[in-house]
Amino acid sequence: MSLRFSTELILVSCIFTLTQNIKRKYSHLNKRMFTP
């Protein structure tokens, strides 16, 4: 039970970091595209 919980926690944290990185890249791209 605790092992499964820790594994899910690790998975969630990995997904969270991934989404943060993607958002950062997308915001960077948007700034580059929309600035004249």
Protein backbone atom coordinates (compact mmCIF):
# COMPACT_ATOMS: atom_id res chain seq x y z
CA MET A 1 0.00 0.00 0.00
CA SER A 2 2.65 2.51 1.00
CA LEU A 3 4.87 1.38 -1.87
CA ARG A 4 2.07 1.95 -4.34
CA PHE A 5 1.37 5.34 -2.81
CA SER A 6 4.99 6.44 -3.13
CA THR A 7 5.11 5.22 -6.73
CA GLU A 8 1.99 7.22 -7.58
CA LEU A 9 3.47 10.24 -5.83
CA ILE A 10 6.64 9.96 -7.93
CA LEU A 11 4.55 9.59 -11.08
CA VAL A 12 2.49 12.67 -10.25
CA SER A 13 5.58 14.74 -9.51
CA CYS A 14 7.19 13.65 -12.79
CA ILE A 15 4.07 14.57 -14.75
CA PHE A 16 3.90 17.89 -12.92
CA THR A 17 7.50 18.79 -13.79
CA LEU A 18 6.91 17.72 -17.39
CA THR A 19 3.85 19.94 -17.73
CA GLN A 20 5.73 22.85 -16.14
CA ASN A 21 8.56 22.46 -18.64
CA ILE A 22 6.12 22.28 -21.55
CA LYS A 23 4.28 25.39 -20.36
CA ARG A 24 7.58 27.22 -20.05
CA LYS A 25 8.60 26.23 -23.58
CA TYR A 26 5.21 27.20 -24.97
CA SER A 27 5.25 30.59 -23.27
CA HIS A 28 8.75 31.17 -24.62
CA LEU A 29 7.56 30.24 -28.12
CA ASN A 30 4.51 32.47 -27.82
CA LYS A 31 6.63 35.42 -26.73
CA ARG A 32 8.98 34.86 -29.64
CA MET A 33 6.10 34.55 -32.11
CA PHE A 34 3.99 37.46 -30.91
CA THR A 35 6.71 40.04 -30.37
CA PRO A 36 7.39 42.07 -33.54
